[in-house]
Protein backbone atom coordinates (compact mmCIF):
# COMPACT_ATOMS: atom_id res chain seq x y z
CA UNK A 1 -33.77 225.94 -17.29
CA UNK A 2 -30.84 224.86 -15.20
CA UNK A 3 -29.45 226.91 -12.38
CA UNK A 4 -26.18 226.43 -10.54
CA UNK A 5 -27.29 226.56 -6.93
CA UNK A 6 -24.99 226.28 -3.96
CA UNK A 7 -26.34 226.31 -0.42
CA UNK A 8 -24.00 226.59 2.55
CA UNK A 9 -25.19 226.20 6.11
CA UNK A 10 -23.19 228.03 8.74
CA UNK A 11 -24.07 228.13 12.42
CA UNK A 12 -27.29 230.16 12.09
CA UNK A 13 -27.04 231.40 8.53
CA UNK A 14 -28.00 230.05 5.17
CA UNK A 15 -25.85 231.31 2.29
CA UNK A 16 -27.29 230.79 -1.19
CA UNK A 17 -25.36 231.33 -4.40
CA UNK A 18 -27.42 230.87 -7.56
CA UNK A 19 -26.83 231.70 -11.21
CA UNK A 20 -28.27 230.70 -14.54
CA UNK A 21 -26.30 228.03 -16.40
CA UNK A 22 -24.05 229.67 -19.03
CA UNK A 23 -25.30 227.59 -21.97
CA UNK A 24 -28.86 228.76 -21.38
CA UNK A 25 -27.75 232.38 -21.06
CA UNK A 26 -26.13 232.15 -24.49
CA UNK A 27 -29.23 230.47 -25.93
CA UNK A 28 -31.54 233.19 -24.57
CA UNK A 29 -29.24 235.90 -25.91
CA UNK A 30 -29.27 234.37 -29.38
CA UNK A 31 -33.06 234.04 -29.28
CA UNK A 32 -33.42 237.69 -28.33
CA UNK A 33 -31.14 238.84 -31.16
CA UNK A 34 -32.90 236.66 -33.74
CA UNK A 35 -36.35 237.71 -32.55
CA UNK A 36 -35.44 241.37 -32.92
CA UNK A 37 -34.04 240.82 -36.41
CA UNK A 38 -36.82 238.66 -37.82
CA UNK A 39 -39.99 239.84 -36.08
CA UNK A 40 -39.34 243.55 -35.68
CA UNK A 41 -39.11 243.18 -31.91
CA UNK A 42 -42.46 241.44 -31.32
CA UNK A 43 -40.83 238.03 -30.91
CA UNK A 44 -39.03 239.23 -27.83
CA UNK A 45 -42.26 239.33 -25.79
CA UNK A 46 -42.61 235.53 -25.41
CA UNK A 47 -38.93 235.28 -24.50
CA UNK A 48 -39.27 237.92 -21.79
CA UNK A 49 -42.37 236.13 -20.51
CA UNK A 50 -40.53 232.80 -20.38
CA UNK A 51 -37.55 234.28 -18.55
CA UNK A 52 -39.86 236.01 -16.06
CA UNK A 53 -41.67 232.69 -15.50
CA UNK A 54 -38.34 230.96 -14.82
CA UNK A 55 -37.34 233.71 -12.38
CA UNK A 56 -40.65 233.35 -10.55
CA UNK A 57 -40.26 229.58 -10.40
CA UNK A 58 -36.72 229.84 -9.03
CA UNK A 59 -37.79 232.43 -6.47
CA UNK A 60 -40.56 230.16 -5.17
CA UNK A 61 -38.10 227.27 -4.92
CA UNK A 62 -35.59 229.38 -2.96
CA UNK A 63 -38.29 230.71 -0.61
CA UNK A 64 -39.42 227.14 0.08
CA UNK A 65 -35.82 226.12 0.73
CA UNK A 66 -35.36 228.99 3.20
CA UNK A 67 -38.70 228.26 4.89
CA UNK A 68 -37.74 224.57 5.34
CA UNK A 69 -34.38 225.65 6.72
CA UNK A 70 -36.14 227.80 9.33
CA UNK A 71 -38.21 224.79 10.45
CA UNK A 72 -35.04 222.73 10.90
CA UNK A 73 -33.46 225.30 13.22
């Protein structure tokens, strides 16, 4: 999934602004609605798992970015 990530470096601060791309948000919303309608709610479990996986992946990436920034300073 694509994220809009902006990193700004001030004197001693790192400012991160990240959000999920809007087209993917709409896609996930439609998948959730369809999974509730057609699978009586059971189809939502893989979607929640996938979104949680993406959140974990993005969190690891941001932590690595912050850790590398600390080594630079």
